[in-house]
């Protein structure tokens, strides 16, 4: 025979357990609802994408040793140096594509960096061009060693590559009046045995230099 007080104590404990179970279930539901509400309320931030703008590429053509203008829409970052690299990367991508008018291979990242510096005077003492010197810049293009090592050898093909890079830079960044080249961050005598990489290329001389190649 179970004493009456034990029955009462058991009933109290049973009711307390049931109440605690109900409260825990309620708290769990509230926590779940807050979690769902938090997931919905957190804004989804899309990755930043550079705006698409028009870029001008001066594409070399081996058939007649000329540079042909090609307009493309490219996502271009705001930094002039980054813009220059993106545009030159696209130019050299065209040369690495099948059926290119100026076939050149050179790895997945032929342009390592592009630096923009205040323009300097030429060795003869003359400025790069007339006008406000403060607005003129020198572009230093750092080519990869793989690009230089795999570039076809020959004065015409090497010169066309360099001229197309210079002309493309000037077409998109008119303040660039001089262009210099490095390979893996160091000065190299030639691109692939012929075209001089130790000189400073002046954008004002592009037409004259192109005529000499032709």
C-alpha atoms as a PDB file:
ATOM      1  CA  UNK A   1       0.000   0.000   0.000  1.00  0.00           C
ATOM      2  CA  UNK A   2       1.568   3.308  -1.141  1.00  0.00           C
ATOM      3  CA  UNK A   3       1.199   6.081   1.408  1.00  0.00           C
ATOM      4  CA  UNK A   4      -0.984   8.983   0.426  1.00  0.00           C
ATOM      5  CA  UNK A   5       1.820  11.568   0.753  1.00  0.00           C
ATOM      6  CA  UNK A   6       3.985   9.615  -1.705  1.00  0.00           C
ATOM      7  CA  UNK A   7       1.173   9.605  -4.236  1.00  0.00           C
ATOM      8  CA  UNK A   8       0.844  13.372  -3.853  1.00  0.00           C
ATOM      9  CA  UNK A   9       4.638  13.859  -4.173  1.00  0.00           C
ATOM     10  CA  UNK A  10       4.727  11.659  -7.287  1.00  0.00           C
ATOM     11  CA  UNK A  11       1.881  13.636  -8.858  1.00  0.00           C
ATOM     12  CA  UNK A  12       3.658  16.914  -8.114  1.00  0.00           C
ATOM     13  CA  UNK A  13       6.896  15.641  -9.665  1.00  0.00           C
ATOM     14  CA  UNK A  14       5.021  14.375 -12.708  1.00  0.00           C
ATOM     15  CA  UNK A  15       3.311  17.718 -13.220  1.00  0.00           C
ATOM     16  CA  UNK A  16       6.621  19.572 -12.755  1.00  0.00           C
ATOM     17  CA  UNK A  17       8.343  17.347 -15.338  1.00  0.00           C
ATOM     18  CA  UNK A  18       5.536  17.905 -17.802  1.00  0.00           C
ATOM     19  CA  UNK A  19       5.686  21.654 -17.228  1.00  0.00           C
ATOM     20  CA  UNK A  20       9.457  21.735 -17.732  1.00  0.00           C
ATOM     21  CA  UNK A  21       9.132  19.706 -20.906  1.00  0.00           C
ATOM     22  CA  UNK A  22       6.527  22.085 -22.271  1.00  0.00           C
ATOM     23  CA  UNK A  23       8.694  25.107 -21.418  1.00  0.00           C
ATOM     24  CA  UNK A  24      11.747  23.606 -23.090  1.00  0.00           C
ATOM     25  CA  UNK A  25       9.729  22.852 -26.211  1.00  0.00           C
ATOM     26  CA  UNK A  26       8.433  26.431 -26.232  1.00  0.00           C
ATOM     27  CA  UNK A  27      11.950  27.873 -25.844  1.00  0.00           C
ATOM     28  CA  UNK A  28      13.203  25.653 -28.636  1.00  0.00           C
ATOM     29  CA  UNK A  29      10.482  26.885 -30.968  1.00  0.00           C
ATOM     30  CA  UNK A  30      11.240  30.517 -30.143  1.00  0.00           C
ATOM     31  CA  UNK A  31      14.951  29.991 -30.793  1.00  0.00           C
ATOM     32  CA  UNK A  32      14.161  28.329 -34.124  1.00  0.00           C
ATOM     33  CA  UNK A  33      11.912  31.215 -35.153  1.00  0.00           C
ATOM     34  CA  UNK A  34      14.610  33.777 -34.241  1.00  0.00           C
ATOM     35  CA  UNK A  35      17.132  31.826 -36.292  1.00  0.00           C
ATOM     36  CA  UNK A  36      14.844  31.819 -39.319  1.00  0.00           C
ATOM     37  CA  UNK A  37      14.069  35.506 -38.883  1.00  0.00           C
ATOM     38  CA  UNK A  38      17.787  36.270 -38.649  1.00  0.00           C
ATOM     39  CA  UNK A  39      18.541  34.370 -41.846  1.00  0.00           C
ATOM     40  CA  UNK A  40      15.849  36.280 -43.705  1.00  0.00           C
ATOM     41  CA  UNK A  41      16.828  39.680 -42.307  1.00  0.00           C
ATOM     42  CA  UNK A  42      20.548  39.387 -43.107  1.00  0.00           C
ATOM     43  CA  UNK A  43      21.008  41.177 -46.454  1.00  0.00           C
ATOM     44  CA  UNK A  44      22.739  39.227 -49.170  1.00  0.00           C
ATOM     45  CA  UNK A  45      25.545  41.418 -50.483  1.00  0.00           C
ATOM     46  CA  UNK A  46      26.421  40.696 -54.065  1.00  0.00           C
ATOM     47  CA  UNK A  47      30.133  40.576 -54.881  1.00  0.00           C
ATOM     48  CA  UNK A  48      31.474  43.832 -56.211  1.00  0.00           C
ATOM     49  CA  UNK A  49      31.756  43.720 -59.987  1.00  0.00           C
ATOM     50  CA  UNK A  50      33.635  46.328 -61.988  1.00  0.00           C
ATOM     51  CA  UNK A  51      31.353  48.273 -64.342  1.00  0.00           C
ATOM     52  CA  UNK A  52      31.506  47.354 -68.006  1.00  0.00           C
ATOM     53  CA  UNK A  53      33.111  50.076 -70.101  1.00  0.00           C
ATOM     54  CA  UNK A  54      34.350  50.514 -73.633  1.00  0.00           C
ATOM     55  CA  UNK A  55      38.023  49.744 -74.201  1.00  0.00           C
ATOM     56  CA  UNK A  56      40.087  50.313 -77.329  1.00  0.00           C
ATOM     57  CA  UNK A  57      42.552  47.601 -78.328  1.00  0.00           C
ATOM     58  CA  UNK A  58      45.194  48.228 -80.959  1.00  0.00           C
ATOM     59  CA  UNK A  59      45.520  44.719 -82.368  1.00  0.00           C
ATOM     60  CA  UNK A  60      48.597  43.711 -84.382  1.00  0.00           C
ATOM     61  CA  UNK A  61      48.058  42.121 -87.771  1.00  0.00           C
ATOM     62  CA  UNK A  62      50.932  40.079 -89.211  1.00  0.00           C
ATOM     63  CA  UNK A  63      49.389  40.080 -92.691  1.00  0.00           C
ATOM     64  CA  UNK A  64      50.303  43.725 -93.327  1.00  0.00           C
ATOM     65  CA  UNK A  65      52.317  44.664 -90.191  1.00  0.00           C
ATOM     66  CA  UNK A  66      49.694  47.136 -88.997  1.00  0.00           C
ATOM     67  CA  UNK A  67      47.693  47.854 -85.869  1.00  0.00           C
ATOM     68  CA  UNK A  68      43.938  47.582 -86.201  1.00  0.00           C
ATOM     69  CA  UNK A  69      41.499  49.244 -83.808  1.00  0.00           C
ATOM     70  CA  UNK A  70      39.079  46.967 -82.000  1.00  0.00           C
ATOM     71  CA  UNK A  71      36.461  48.203 -79.530  1.00  0.00           C
ATOM     72  CA  UNK A  72      35.460  45.822 -76.724  1.00  0.00           C
ATOM     73  CA  UNK A  73      33.261  46.077 -73.638  1.00  0.00           C
ATOM     74  CA  UNK A  74      35.222  45.026 -70.559  1.00  0.00           C
ATOM     75  CA  UNK A  75      34.678  45.196 -66.789  1.00  0.00           C
ATOM     76  CA  UNK A  76      37.216  47.845 -65.806  1.00  0.00           C
ATOM     77  CA  UNK A  77      38.242  48.676 -62.225  1.00  0.00           C
ATOM     78  CA  UNK A  78      38.579  52.341 -61.190  1.00  0.00           C
ATOM     79  CA  UNK A  79      42.364  52.271 -60.647  1.00  0.00           C
ATOM     80  CA  UNK A  80      44.210  53.348 -63.838  1.00  0.00           C
ATOM     81  CA  UNK A  81      46.968  50.792 -63.204  1.00  0.00           C
ATOM     82  CA  UNK A  82      44.465  47.966 -62.773  1.00  0.00           C
ATOM     83  CA  UNK A  83      42.515  49.151 -65.822  1.00  0.00           C
ATOM     84  CA  UNK A  84      45.697  49.089 -67.878  1.00  0.00           C
ATOM     85  CA  UNK A  85      46.484  45.531 -66.789  1.00  0.00           C
ATOM     86  CA  UNK A  86      42.961  44.282 -67.546  1.00  0.00           C
ATOM     87  CA  UNK A  87      43.031  45.837 -71.011  1.00  0.00           C
ATOM     88  CA  UNK A  88      46.502  44.513 -71.845  1.00  0.00           C
ATOM     89  CA  UNK A  89      45.569  41.057 -70.548  1.00  0.00           C
ATOM     90  CA  UNK A  90      42.648  41.060 -72.980  1.00  0.00           C
ATOM     91  CA  UNK A  91      44.899  42.207 -75.826  1.00  0.00           C
ATOM     92  CA  UNK A  92      47.352  39.365 -75.260  1.00  0.00           C
ATOM     93  CA  UNK A  93      44.466  36.908 -74.840  1.00  0.00           C
ATOM     94  CA  UNK A  94      43.545  37.742 -78.436  1.00  0.00           C
ATOM     95  CA  UNK A  95      47.068  36.872 -79.554  1.00  0.00           C
ATOM     96  CA  UNK A  96      46.931  33.520 -77.739  1.00  0.00           C
ATOM     97  CA  UNK A  97      43.565  32.559 -79.289  1.00  0.00           C
ATOM     98  CA  UNK A  98      43.356  30.147 -82.264  1.00  0.00           C
ATOM     99  CA  UNK A  99      43.445  31.940 -85.592  1.00  0.00           C
ATOM    100  CA  UNK A 100      44.917  35.118 -84.102  1.00  0.00           C
ATOM    101  CA  UNK A 101      46.066  37.828 -86.509  1.00  0.00           C
ATOM    102  CA  UNK A 102      49.288  38.025 -84.472  1.00  0.00           C
ATOM    103  CA  UNK A 103      49.804  34.616 -82.832  1.00  0.00           C
ATOM    104  CA  UNK A 104      51.747  34.826 -79.568  1.00  0.00           C
ATOM    105  CA  UNK A 105      51.598  32.427 -76.639  1.00  0.00           C
ATOM    106  CA  UNK A 106      52.946  33.189 -73.212  1.00  0.00           C
ATOM    107  CA  UNK A 107      51.196  31.532 -70.320  1.00  0.00           C
ATOM    108  CA  UNK A 108      48.093  32.409 -68.364  1.00  0.00           C
ATOM    109  CA  UNK A 109      49.344  35.733 -66.969  1.00  0.00           C
ATOM    110  CA  UNK A 110      51.656  37.445 -69.478  1.00  0.00           C
ATOM    111  CA  UNK A 111      51.282  40.883 -67.830  1.00  0.00           C
ATOM    112  CA  UNK A 112      52.471  40.754 -64.228  1.00  0.00           C
ATOM    113  CA  UNK A 113      51.967  44.425 -63.373  1.00  0.00           C
ATOM    114  CA  UNK A 114      51.521  47.828 -64.930  1.00  0.00           C
ATOM    115  CA  UNK A 115      52.944  50.819 -63.049  1.00  0.00           C
ATOM    116  CA  UNK A 116      52.139  54.439 -63.855  1.00  0.00           C
ATOM    117  CA  UNK A 117      54.821  56.974 -62.964  1.00  0.00           C
ATOM    118  CA  UNK A 118      55.394  60.659 -63.748  1.00  0.00           C
ATOM    119  CA  UNK A 119      56.814  60.968 -67.256  1.00  0.00           C
ATOM    120  CA  UNK A 120      60.532  61.682 -67.555  1.00  0.00           C
ATOM    121  CA  UNK A 121      62.611  63.383 -70.186  1.00  0.00           C
ATOM    122  CA  UNK A 122      64.064  61.343 -73.036  1.00  0.00           C
ATOM    123  CA  UNK A 123      67.823  60.664 -73.130  1.00  0.00           C
ATOM    124  CA  UNK A 124      68.218  63.503 -75.631  1.00  0.00           C
ATOM    125  CA  UNK A 125      66.732  65.893 -73.081  1.00  0.00           C
ATOM    126  CA  UNK A 126      63.468  66.416 -74.928  1.00  0.00           C
ATOM    127  CA  UNK A 127      60.162  65.828 -73.189  1.00  0.00           C
ATOM    128  CA  UNK A 128      57.927  62.952 -74.162  1.00  0.00           C
ATOM    129  CA  UNK A 129      55.502  65.373 -75.767  1.00  0.00           C
ATOM    130  CA  UNK A 130      54.353  68.954 -75.573  1.00  0.00           C
ATOM    131  CA  UNK A 131      51.758  70.085 -73.086  1.00  0.00           C
ATOM    132  CA  UNK A 132      51.417  69.994 -69.339  1.00  0.00           C
ATOM    133  CA  UNK A 133      54.152  67.752 -67.940  1.00  0.00           C
ATOM    134  CA  UNK A 134      52.116  67.163 -64.798  1.00  0.00           C
ATOM    135  CA  UNK A 135      49.503  65.285 -66.811  1.00  0.00           C
ATOM    136  CA  UNK A 136      51.957  62.953 -68.542  1.00  0.00           C
ATOM    137  CA  UNK A 137      52.814  59.511 -67.256  1.00  0.00           C
ATOM    138  CA  UNK A 138      55.225  56.707 -67.982  1.00  0.00           C
ATOM    139  CA  UNK A 139      53.747  53.212 -68.041  1.00  0.00           C
ATOM    140  CA  UNK A 140      56.102  50.480 -66.880  1.00  0.00           C
ATOM    141  CA  UNK A 141      54.848  47.128 -68.180  1.00  0.00           C
ATOM    142  CA  UNK A 142      56.228  44.105 -66.336  1.00  0.00           C
ATOM    143  CA  UNK A 143      56.014  41.092 -68.658  1.00  0.00           C
ATOM    144  CA  UNK A 144      56.293  37.531 -67.418  1.00  0.00           C
ATOM    145  CA  UNK A 145      59.374  35.506 -68.225  1.00  0.00           C
ATOM    146  CA  UNK A 146      57.169  32.823 -69.782  1.00  0.00           C
ATOM    147  CA  UNK A 147      55.701  35.344 -72.209  1.00  0.00           C
ATOM    148  CA  UNK A 148      59.148  36.533 -73.305  1.00  0.00           C
ATOM    149  CA  UNK A 149      60.527  32.992 -73.517  1.00  0.00           C
ATOM    150  CA  UNK A 150      57.706  31.767 -75.777  1.00  0.00           C
ATOM    151  CA  UNK A 151      57.349  34.873 -77.938  1.00  0.00           C
ATOM    152  CA  UNK A 152      58.139  34.225 -81.622  1.00  0.00           C
ATOM    153  CA  UNK A 153      61.553  35.583 -82.560  1.00  0.00           C
ATOM    154  CA  UNK A 154      61.850  38.207 -85.277  1.00  0.00           C
ATOM    155  CA  UNK A 155      62.182  41.977 -85.458  1.00  0.00           C
ATOM    156  CA  UNK A 156      58.784  42.495 -87.081  1.00  0.00           C
ATOM    157  CA  UNK A 157      56.702  40.264 -84.815  1.00  0.00           C
ATOM    158  CA  UNK A 158      58.443  41.445 -81.639  1.00  0.00           C
ATOM    159  CA  UNK A 159      58.128  45.106 -82.582  1.00  0.00           C
ATOM    160  CA  UNK A 160      54.458  44.704 -83.455  1.00  0.00           C
ATOM    161  CA  UNK A 161      53.765  43.231 -80.028  1.00  0.00           C
ATOM    162  CA  UNK A 162      55.464  46.126 -78.256  1.00  0.00           C
ATOM    163  CA  UNK A 163      53.824  48.738 -80.472  1.00  0.00           C
ATOM    164  CA  UNK A 164      50.381  47.237 -79.944  1.00  0.00           C
ATOM    165  CA  UNK A 165      50.889  47.353 -76.164  1.00  0.00           C
ATOM    166  CA  UNK A 166      52.077  50.977 -76.314  1.00  0.00           C
ATOM    167  CA  UNK A 167      49.278  52.072 -78.635  1.00  0.00           C
ATOM    168  CA  UNK A 168      46.618  50.284 -76.576  1.00  0.00           C
ATOM    169  CA  UNK A 169      47.842  51.961 -73.395  1.00  0.00           C
ATOM    170  CA  UNK A 170      47.782  55.396 -75.016  1.00  0.00           C
ATOM    171  CA  UNK A 171      44.348  54.825 -76.576  1.00  0.00           C
ATOM    172  CA  UNK A 172      42.799  54.127 -73.172  1.00  0.00           C
ATOM    173  CA  UNK A 173      45.051  56.295 -70.998  1.00  0.00           C
ATOM    174  CA  UNK A 174      45.960  59.344 -73.121  1.00  0.00           C
ATOM    175  CA  UNK A 175      48.176  60.677 -70.343  1.00  0.00           C
ATOM    176  CA  UNK A 176      50.605  57.813 -70.999  1.00  0.00           C
ATOM    177  CA  UNK A 177      53.292  59.341 -73.200  1.00  0.00           C
ATOM    178  CA  UNK A 178      56.112  56.888 -72.474  1.00  0.00           C
ATOM    179  CA  UNK A 179      56.241  53.111 -72.096  1.00  0.00           C
ATOM    180  CA  UNK A 180      59.023  50.991 -70.668  1.00  0.00           C
ATOM    181  CA  UNK A 181      59.260  47.235 -70.343  1.00  0.00           C
ATOM    182  CA  UNK A 182      60.543  44.839 -67.700  1.00  0.00           C
ATOM    183  CA  UNK A 183      60.601  41.050 -67.676  1.00  0.00           C
ATOM    184  CA  UNK A 184      59.961  39.434 -64.295  1.00  0.00           C
ATOM    185  CA  UNK A 185      60.741  42.789 -62.698  1.00  0.00           C
ATOM    186  CA  UNK A 186      64.163  43.149 -64.321  1.00  0.00           C
ATOM    187  CA  UNK A 187      65.589  44.875 -67.373  1.00  0.00           C
ATOM    188  CA  UNK A 188      66.008  42.551 -70.355  1.00  0.00           C
ATOM    189  CA  UNK A 189      67.933  43.439 -73.484  1.00  0.00           C
ATOM    190  CA  UNK A 190      65.343  42.242 -76.015  1.00  0.00           C
ATOM    191  CA  UNK A 191      61.913  40.671 -76.085  1.00  0.00           C
ATOM    192  CA  UNK A 192      62.921  37.534 -78.012  1.00  0.00           C
ATOM    193  CA  UNK A 193      66.300  38.416 -79.462  1.00  0.00           C
ATOM    194  CA  UNK A 194      65.492  41.504 -81.529  1.00  0.00           C
ATOM    195  CA  UNK A 195      63.111  44.225 -80.281  1.00  0.00           C
ATOM    196  CA  UNK A 196      64.896  46.500 -77.792  1.00  0.00           C
ATOM    197  CA  UNK A 197      63.486  46.448 -74.253  1.00  0.00           C
ATOM    198  CA  UNK A 198      66.058  48.832 -72.790  1.00  0.00           C
ATOM    199  CA  UNK A 199      64.680  51.901 -74.552  1.00  0.00           C
ATOM    200  CA  UNK A 200      61.757  54.138 -73.652  1.00  0.00           C
ATOM    201  CA  UNK A 201      58.957  53.978 -76.224  1.00  0.00           C
ATOM    202  CA  UNK A 202      57.293  57.325 -76.922  1.00  0.00           C
ATOM    203  CA  UNK A 203      53.646  57.215 -77.883  1.00  0.00           C
ATOM    204  CA  UNK A 204      54.109  60.187 -80.206  1.00  0.00           C
ATOM    205  CA  UNK A 205      56.504  58.048 -82.281  1.00  0.00           C
ATOM    206  CA  UNK A 206      54.112  55.124 -82.720  1.00  0.00           C
ATOM    207  CA  UNK A 207      53.059  56.010 -86.270  1.00  0.00           C
ATOM    208  CA  UNK A 208      56.648  56.560 -87.378  1.00  0.00           C
ATOM    209  CA  UNK A 209      57.829  53.321 -85.743  1.00  0.00           C
ATOM    210  CA  UNK A 210      54.935  51.404 -87.255  1.00  0.00           C
ATOM    211  CA  UNK A 211      55.828  52.729 -90.683  1.00  0.00           C
ATOM    212  CA  UNK A 212      59.383  51.499 -90.206  1.00  0.00           C
ATOM    213  CA  UNK A 213      58.115  48.012 -89.482  1.00  0.00           C
ATOM    214  CA  UNK A 214      55.958  48.007 -92.576  1.00  0.00           C
END
